[in-house]
Protein backbone atom coordinates (compact mmCIF):
# COMPACT_ATOMS: atom_id res chain seq x y z
CA ILE A 1 23.65 -21.04 30.92
CA ASP A 2 21.86 -18.61 33.20
CA GLY A 3 21.04 -15.38 31.39
CA ALA A 4 21.42 -16.88 27.92
CA LEU A 5 19.84 -15.36 24.83
CA THR A 6 18.52 -17.79 22.21
CA SER A 7 16.56 -17.78 18.97
CA GLU A 8 15.51 -21.43 19.45
CA ALA A 9 11.92 -22.08 20.60
CA ILE A 10 12.86 -25.40 22.24
CA ILE A 11 16.00 -25.93 24.28
CA THR A 12 17.46 -29.03 25.92
CA GLY A 13 18.58 -28.82 29.53
CA ARG A 14 21.20 -31.31 30.73
CA GLY A 15 22.69 -32.05 34.12
CA GLU A 16 23.66 -34.60 36.73
CA GLY A 17 21.73 -35.83 39.73
CA GLN A 18 22.44 -38.11 42.66
CA GLU A 19 21.52 -41.76 42.37
CA GLY A 20 17.94 -42.30 43.51
CA ALA A 21 16.97 -38.64 43.15
CA GLN A 22 13.80 -37.45 41.48
CA VAL A 23 14.47 -34.61 39.03
CA LYS A 24 11.92 -32.17 37.63
CA ILE A 25 12.29 -29.43 35.04
CA ASN A 26 9.48 -26.86 35.31
CA GLY A 27 7.47 -29.43 37.27
CA ALA A 28 7.80 -32.24 34.70
CA ASN A 29 9.54 -35.43 35.85
CA VAL A 30 12.80 -36.23 34.10
CA LEU A 31 14.40 -39.68 34.17
CA LEU A 32 17.95 -40.16 35.41
CA SER A 33 20.14 -42.39 33.29
CA PRO A 34 22.19 -45.13 35.00
CA ASP A 35 25.23 -42.81 35.09
CA GLY A 36 23.21 -40.10 36.92
CA THR A 37 22.81 -37.69 34.02
CA PHE A 38 19.51 -36.28 32.80
CA GLN A 39 18.15 -34.14 30.02
CA GLY A 40 14.81 -32.59 29.20
CA GLU A 41 13.38 -30.29 26.56
CA VAL A 42 11.73 -27.00 27.45
CA GLY A 43 9.51 -24.95 25.14
CA LEU A 44 10.17 -21.24 25.43
CA GLU A 45 7.81 -18.31 25.11
CA ARG A 46 8.93 -15.10 23.44
CA GLY A 47 10.86 -12.94 25.89
CA TYR A 48 11.99 -13.83 29.42
CA ASN A 49 11.64 -17.46 30.62
CA LEU A 50 12.40 -18.80 34.09
CA ILE A 51 13.33 -22.49 34.13
CA THR A 52 13.22 -24.33 37.45
CA ILE A 53 15.26 -27.50 38.02
CA GLU A 54 14.37 -29.42 41.18
CA SER A 55 16.06 -32.51 42.58
CA ALA A 56 15.18 -34.45 45.72
CA LYS A 57 15.89 -37.81 47.26
CA LYS A 58 13.23 -39.56 49.28
CA TYR A 59 12.83 -37.90 52.71
CA SER A 60 15.27 -35.12 51.79
CA LYS A 61 14.87 -31.42 51.23
CA SER A 62 14.66 -30.42 47.55
CA ALA A 63 17.55 -28.68 45.84
CA ILE A 64 16.25 -26.03 43.44
CA GLU A 65 18.12 -24.10 40.76
CA HIS A 66 16.82 -21.50 38.34
CA ARG A 67 17.97 -20.59 34.86
CA ARG A 68 16.86 -17.43 33.11
CA ILE A 69 16.63 -17.64 29.32
CA VAL A 70 15.54 -14.96 26.85
CA PHE A 71 13.90 -16.19 23.66
CA ASN A 72 14.40 -13.57 20.97
CA GLN A 73 12.54 -14.96 17.98
CA ASP A 74 13.58 -13.43 14.68
CA GLU A 75 10.50 -11.65 13.40
CA THR A 76 11.81 -10.94 9.91
CA LEU A 77 9.93 -12.46 7.04
CA GLY A 78 11.45 -13.14 3.65
CA LEU A 79 9.23 -13.27 0.58
CA ALA A 80 10.22 -14.59 -2.83
CA TRP A 81 8.38 -13.38 -5.98
């Protein structure tokens, strides 16, 4: 979801693409399954992250979408004595 806040350092992006399309998440190729769906993991850095999803068929213009995610890592530390 665009604008999401998470405490997870790695998230999984999922979506659907057209048959024969090449899909990339942040520049890394992602395989389409036979039913046209895809998923890929993205490691987040603390704070604001921009995730780019790009899809293109051969000889076609790329379709690009962006998702903004905020990684708010819990910095509390519990100690047991």
